[in-house]
Protein backbone atom coordinates (compact mmCIF):
# COMPACT_ATOMS: atom_id res chain seq x y z
CA MET A 1 42.30 -1.33 13.56
CA GLN A 2 38.95 -2.40 12.13
CA ALA A 3 37.87 -3.12 8.58
CA LEU A 4 34.62 -3.81 6.76
CA GLN A 5 33.91 -6.79 4.61
CA SER A 6 30.81 -8.15 2.90
CA ALA A 7 29.16 -11.01 4.75
CA GLU A 8 28.53 -14.41 3.24
CA VAL A 9 25.40 -14.36 1.11
CA GLY A 10 22.76 -17.06 1.20
CA VAL A 11 23.89 -18.96 4.32
CA PHE A 12 20.96 -19.30 6.71
CA LEU A 13 21.67 -20.26 10.31
CA SER A 14 18.38 -19.73 12.14
CA ILE A 15 15.57 -17.28 12.68
CA ASP A 16 17.23 -14.66 14.85
CA ILE A 17 15.26 -11.52 13.94
CA VAL A 18 11.59 -11.16 14.80
CA GLY A 19 8.75 -8.78 14.03
CA ILE A 20 6.03 -9.53 16.59
CA GLY A 21 2.49 -8.20 16.30
CA GLU A 22 -0.04 -7.71 13.54
CA ALA A 23 0.12 -9.63 10.26
CA LEU A 24 -2.49 -8.48 7.77
CA PHE A 25 -3.37 -7.38 4.28
CA ASP A 26 -3.47 -3.71 3.35
CA VAL A 27 -6.61 -3.39 1.26
CA TYR A 28 -6.47 -0.67 -1.38
CA PRO A 29 -9.36 0.13 -3.72
CA ASP A 30 -7.69 -1.90 -6.49
CA ARG A 31 -5.49 -4.48 -4.70
CA GLU A 32 -4.49 -6.25 -1.50
CA VAL A 33 -0.86 -6.42 -0.38
CA LEU A 34 0.96 -7.78 2.66
CA GLY A 35 0.95 -5.36 5.56
CA GLY A 36 1.27 -4.80 9.26
CA ALA A 37 4.33 -3.00 10.63
CA PRO A 38 5.97 -6.06 12.28
CA LEU A 39 5.44 -8.17 9.15
CA ASN A 40 6.79 -5.41 6.90
CA PHE A 41 9.79 -5.15 9.21
CA ALA A 42 10.37 -8.91 9.04
CA VAL A 43 10.16 -9.01 5.24
CA HIS A 44 12.71 -6.24 4.79
CA ALA A 45 14.95 -7.47 7.60
CA ASN A 46 14.98 -10.94 6.05
CA ARG A 47 16.21 -9.56 2.75
CA LEU A 48 19.07 -7.76 4.47
CA ALA A 49 19.76 -10.51 7.02
CA SER A 50 20.90 -12.95 4.35
CA ARG A 51 24.09 -10.88 4.27
CA LEU A 52 24.63 -11.86 7.92
CA GLY A 53 23.75 -15.54 7.57
CA MET A 54 20.51 -14.94 9.46
CA GLN A 55 16.79 -15.00 8.80
CA ALA A 56 13.93 -12.81 9.97
CA ALA A 57 10.31 -13.89 10.43
CA PRO A 58 6.99 -12.50 11.65
CA VAL A 59 5.45 -13.73 14.90
CA SER A 60 1.69 -13.32 14.68
CA ARG A 61 -1.66 -15.07 14.26
CA ILE A 62 -3.69 -15.49 11.07
CA GLY A 63 -7.11 -16.87 10.22
CA TRP A 64 -7.84 -20.34 8.93
CA ASP A 65 -9.11 -18.75 5.74
CA ALA A 66 -8.27 -17.86 2.15
CA ARG A 67 -6.36 -14.72 3.14
CA GLY A 68 -4.32 -16.71 5.63
CA GLU A 69 -3.33 -19.19 2.93
CA ARG A 70 -2.55 -16.35 0.56
CA MET A 71 -0.36 -14.73 3.18
CA LYS A 72 1.66 -17.89 3.68
CA SER A 73 2.02 -18.31 -0.07
CA ARG A 74 3.16 -14.72 -0.52
CA LEU A 75 5.68 -15.02 2.32
CA ALA A 76 7.03 -18.23 0.80
CA SER A 77 7.56 -16.45 -2.51
CA LEU A 78 9.57 -13.82 -0.61
CA GLY A 79 11.67 -16.43 1.18
CA VAL A 80 10.16 -15.58 4.59
CA SER A 81 9.25 -18.30 7.08
CA ASP A 82 5.63 -18.63 8.26
CA GLU A 83 6.64 -21.00 11.08
CA TYR A 84 5.53 -18.57 13.79
CA LEU A 85 2.15 -17.59 12.35
CA GLN A 86 -0.39 -19.21 14.65
CA PRO A 87 -3.59 -20.50 12.97
CA ASP A 88 -6.93 -19.24 14.33
CA ILE A 89 -10.16 -21.00 13.37
CA ASP A 90 -12.42 -18.43 15.07
CA HIS A 91 -11.11 -15.08 13.81
CA PRO A 92 -10.23 -13.84 10.31
CA THR A 93 -6.85 -12.86 8.99
CA GLY A 94 -6.40 -9.17 9.65
CA THR A 95 -7.12 -6.47 7.10
CA VAL A 96 -6.68 -2.71 7.04
CA GLU A 97 -8.42 -0.48 4.52
CA VAL A 98 -5.89 2.01 3.14
CA SER A 99 -6.67 5.28 1.39
CA LEU A 100 -4.06 7.70 0.06
CA ASP A 101 -4.15 11.46 -0.20
CA ALA A 102 -2.79 13.44 -3.13
CA GLU A 103 0.77 13.18 -1.76
CA GLY A 104 0.62 9.44 -1.18
CA GLN A 105 0.20 9.73 2.60
CA PRO A 106 -1.97 6.91 3.97
CA SER A 107 -4.94 6.81 6.31
CA TYR A 108 -6.34 3.58 7.73
CA VAL A 109 -9.57 1.87 8.76
CA ILE A 110 -8.72 -0.99 11.12
CA PRO A 111 -11.45 -3.56 11.91
CA PRO A 112 -11.66 -5.11 15.40
CA GLN A 113 -11.37 -8.77 16.38
CA CYS A 114 -8.70 -9.89 13.90
CA ALA A 115 -6.72 -13.08 14.40
CA TRP A 116 -3.63 -11.19 15.57
CA ASP A 117 -5.67 -9.73 18.44
CA PHE A 118 -5.66 -13.25 19.94
CA LEU A 119 -1.93 -14.00 19.77
CA GLN A 120 -1.04 -16.58 22.45
CA PHE A 121 2.30 -17.21 24.11
CA SER A 122 3.60 -20.73 23.54
CA SER A 123 6.63 -22.90 24.22
CA GLU A 124 7.73 -22.28 20.61
CA PHE A 125 7.53 -18.53 21.16
CA GLU A 126 9.44 -18.85 24.42
CA ALA A 127 12.26 -20.77 22.73
CA LEU A 128 12.44 -18.26 19.88
CA ALA A 129 12.49 -15.31 22.27
CA SER A 130 15.30 -16.76 24.34
CA ARG A 131 17.59 -17.18 21.33
CA CYS A 132 16.66 -14.31 19.00
CA GLN A 133 19.08 -11.45 18.51
CA ALA A 134 16.57 -8.72 17.66
CA VAL A 135 12.85 -8.12 17.95
CA CYS A 136 10.68 -5.26 16.68
CA PHE A 137 7.31 -4.52 18.31
CA GLY A 138 4.72 -1.74 18.20
CA THR A 139 1.42 -0.65 19.71
CA LEU A 140 -1.42 -1.75 17.42
CA ALA A 141 -1.10 -5.47 18.18
CA GLN A 142 -1.34 -4.66 21.89
CA ARG A 143 -4.83 -3.18 21.71
CA ARG A 144 -6.27 -6.35 23.30
CA ASP A 145 -5.06 -7.46 26.74
CA GLY A 146 -4.26 -11.07 25.80
CA ALA A 147 -2.08 -10.14 22.85
CA ARG A 148 -0.41 -7.43 24.90
CA GLU A 149 0.49 -9.95 27.59
CA THR A 150 1.90 -12.31 24.93
CA ILE A 151 4.09 -9.58 23.43
CA GLU A 152 5.33 -8.50 26.86
CA ALA A 153 6.14 -12.11 27.75
CA PHE A 154 8.11 -12.49 24.52
CA LEU A 155 10.05 -9.28 25.14
CA THR A 156 10.82 -10.21 28.73
CA LYS A 157 12.20 -13.56 27.58
CA ALA A 158 14.24 -11.86 24.83
CA GLU A 159 16.46 -10.26 27.46
CA ASN A 160 19.66 -10.45 25.38
CA ALA A 161 18.15 -9.17 22.14
CA ILE A 162 17.97 -5.74 20.55
CA ARG A 163 14.37 -4.76 21.36
CA LEU A 164 13.14 -2.01 19.06
CA PHE A 165 9.90 -0.30 20.07
CA ASP A 166 8.44 1.18 16.90
CA VAL A 167 5.80 3.39 18.52
CA ASN A 168 3.81 3.59 15.26
CA LEU A 169 0.62 5.08 16.76
CA ARG A 170 -2.63 4.21 15.01
CA GLN A 171 -5.87 6.06 15.82
CA ASP A 172 -6.73 5.47 19.49
CA PHE A 173 -5.25 1.96 19.78
CA TYR A 174 -2.81 2.89 22.54
CA ASP A 175 -2.76 4.16 26.10
CA LEU A 176 -0.35 5.53 28.69
CA SER A 177 0.32 2.14 30.28
CA MET A 178 1.19 0.58 26.92
CA LEU A 179 3.57 3.37 25.98
CA ARG A 180 5.28 3.40 29.36
CA ARG A 181 5.73 -0.37 29.36
CA GLY A 182 6.98 -0.40 25.75
CA CYS A 183 9.63 2.20 26.53
CA ALA A 184 10.69 0.26 29.63
CA LEU A 185 11.16 -2.96 27.65
CA ALA A 186 12.99 -1.39 24.70
CA THR A 187 16.70 -1.03 24.06
CA VAL A 188 15.93 1.15 21.02
CA LEU A 189 13.01 3.53 20.49
CA LYS A 190 11.84 4.55 17.00
CA VAL A 191 9.46 7.48 16.69
CA ASN A 192 8.46 10.12 14.18
CA GLU A 193 8.06 13.76 15.14
CA GLN A 194 4.33 13.52 15.77
CA GLU A 195 4.74 10.40 17.92
CA LEU A 196 7.44 12.11 19.96
CA GLU A 197 4.99 14.91 20.72
CA VAL A 198 2.38 12.38 21.90
CA LEU A 199 4.94 10.61 24.09
CA SER A 200 6.05 13.92 25.55
CA GLU A 201 2.48 14.87 26.45
CA LEU A 202 1.29 11.52 27.79
CA LEU A 203 4.47 10.74 29.72
CA ASP A 204 4.66 14.34 30.98
CA LEU A 205 8.22 14.83 29.78
CA SER A 206 9.65 18.19 30.73
CA GLY A 207 12.31 20.07 28.78
CA ASP A 208 13.99 18.18 25.94
CA PRO A 209 11.75 15.12 25.38
CA VAL A 210 14.58 13.00 23.99
CA ALA A 211 16.82 13.67 26.99
CA ALA A 212 13.85 13.05 29.29
CA LEU A 213 13.18 9.66 27.68
CA PHE A 214 16.79 8.60 28.15
CA GLY A 215 16.65 9.78 31.73
CA ARG A 216 13.51 7.81 32.53
CA PHE A 217 13.97 4.57 30.56
CA PRO A 218 16.94 2.20 30.05
CA MET A 219 17.08 2.57 26.27
CA GLU A 220 20.41 2.81 24.46
CA ARG A 221 19.39 4.63 21.28
CA LEU A 222 16.52 6.64 19.85
CA LEU A 223 15.83 6.87 16.12
CA LEU A 224 13.76 9.91 15.11
CA THR A 225 12.32 9.68 11.59
CA ARG A 226 11.34 12.87 9.76
CA GLY A 227 9.97 11.74 6.41
CA ASP A 228 11.80 13.25 3.47
CA ARG A 229 14.13 15.11 5.88
CA GLY A 230 15.82 11.88 6.92
CA CYS A 231 16.52 10.45 10.38
CA ILE A 232 18.33 11.56 13.51
CA LEU A 233 20.03 9.06 15.81
CA PHE A 234 20.37 9.91 19.49
CA GLY A 235 22.53 8.00 21.95
CA ALA A 236 22.17 7.74 25.71
CA ASN A 237 25.51 9.53 26.13
CA ASN A 238 24.04 12.69 24.57
CA THR A 239 25.39 11.99 21.10
CA LYS A 240 23.37 13.11 18.10
CA LEU A 241 23.91 12.11 14.49
CA GLU A 242 21.79 13.53 11.67
CA GLY A 243 21.36 11.43 8.56
CA LYS A 244 21.46 13.20 5.22
CA MET A 245 18.26 13.28 3.20
CA ILE A 246 18.02 10.52 0.60
CA SER A 247 15.86 10.96 -2.49
CA TYR A 248 14.74 8.44 -5.09
CA PRO A 249 12.59 9.23 -8.13
CA ALA A 250 9.06 8.29 -7.15
CA ALA A 251 7.08 5.77 -9.16
CA PRO A 252 3.75 7.14 -10.49
CA ASP A 253 1.78 5.03 -7.99
CA ALA A 254 4.19 5.47 -5.07
CA ASP A 255 3.00 5.73 -1.48
CA ALA A 256 4.62 6.13 1.94
CA VAL A 257 3.15 2.93 3.39
CA GLY A 258 5.83 0.87 5.12
CA ALA A 259 8.66 3.40 4.78
CA GLY A 260 9.17 3.59 8.54
CA ASP A 261 9.10 -0.21 8.84
CA ALA A 262 11.84 -0.46 6.22
CA ALA A 263 13.93 2.14 8.03
CA ALA A 264 13.54 0.14 11.25
CA ALA A 265 14.70 -3.02 9.47
CA GLY A 266 17.76 -1.29 8.07
CA PHE A 267 18.57 0.16 11.47
CA VAL A 268 18.37 -3.19 13.28
CA ILE A 269 20.39 -5.05 10.65
CA GLY A 270 23.04 -2.35 10.79
CA LEU A 271 23.29 -2.75 14.57
CA LEU A 272 23.57 -6.53 14.27
CA ALA A 273 26.31 -6.13 11.68
CA LYS A 274 28.12 -3.78 14.10
CA MET A 275 28.31 -1.09 11.45
CA THR A 276 29.24 2.42 12.58
CA ASP A 277 26.41 4.71 13.68
CA GLY A 278 26.84 6.71 10.49
CA GLN A 279 26.57 3.61 8.32
CA VAL A 280 23.56 2.36 10.27
CA LEU A 281 21.81 5.67 9.83
CA GLU A 282 22.62 5.80 6.12
CA LEU A 283 21.20 2.32 5.60
CA ALA A 284 18.00 3.21 7.50
CA ASN A 285 17.60 6.39 5.41
CA HIS A 286 18.08 4.55 2.12
CA MET A 287 15.60 1.85 3.14
CA GLY A 288 12.89 4.32 4.11
CA ALA A 289 13.41 6.54 1.08
CA TRP A 290 13.35 3.61 -1.36
CA VAL A 291 10.10 2.15 0.00
CA ALA A 292 8.48 5.61 0.02
CA SER A 293 9.33 5.94 -3.68
CA GLN A 294 7.59 2.67 -4.59
CA PRO A 295 4.00 1.35 -4.34
CA GLY A 296 3.19 -0.92 -1.39
CA ALA A 297 5.00 -1.67 1.85
CA SER A 298 7.48 -4.30 0.68
CA PRO A 299 8.83 -3.55 -2.81
CA THR A 300 11.92 -5.41 -3.99
CA LEU A 301 15.12 -3.81 -2.70
CA PRO A 302 17.74 -2.74 -5.27
CA ALA A 303 21.18 -4.37 -5.18
CA HIS A 304 22.96 -1.20 -4.11
CA ILE A 305 20.97 -1.09 -0.86
CA LEU A 306 21.56 -4.77 -0.15
CA ASP A 307 25.27 -4.16 -0.73
CA MET A 308 25.28 -1.51 2.02
CA VAL A 309 25.07 -4.27 4.65
CA MET A 310 28.61 -4.79 5.79
CA VAL A 311 29.99 -6.80 8.71
CA ARG A 312 32.54 -5.08 10.90
CA THR A 313 35.46 -7.37 11.65
CA SER A 314 38.90 -7.07 13.20
CA ALA A 315 41.67 -6.44 10.68
């Protein structure tokens, strides 16, 4: 028989959860906020990970500039380590210009040659990869060969970790080789409905694309996000679990930026806590829905969501 109990709060053991890739500022017409899918993931995962006695941190590269200093200061205020943010004296801290439509859906302008494009593998990265328990990665930070090689080296070294590939397609910053390699390195794939269509076309998946992905790649789970219709979790043994739609009253200046990153963080933390698939899916749904109801990619999480993180133990 198994039971659930709350984990110890506030006991930090080490950095065991990683978001590797772009670290940047989302630049709105009236403000700049922390952004980049792996960084958003790390911020949210860190908040939840305290319930497991763990920490999460971004692995990226930032400029030796005012934005870089502001990023470190902002992360410190959130209790997130900047230990694995490489300094770059030649390239600026990344930015993305964000514009929102009438429904709060974002579009992006992404400049080239940002510091995270020049991420370099190091002995510190190798040590972190070998001991981490989970890592989230995407496609945007792999648009330059050197950074792609660094991310692949990290994932290869993280052979015992949950490796979540958050496909997260942006403009034309991806190709067939990148998608194929990402799926091959992942233990978990996270896609939305549009991204699944792109994967199906580029990878030439016949029939049911989800079944075809499981047949071709060694992944264990696939998380399909559907916006305000919630998530569906697929397992390699042909299981399918649909998460109920979660709705929060939207703030007047709410936007959908970072909702998928928050869902990914909830999903990974739930797996690390060995929660049931249903509980994991519920946590991911609540995370995504809450962030979509608030402005910015990393709003403060309410206590009732933090309290959903439970550790499964033997009774």
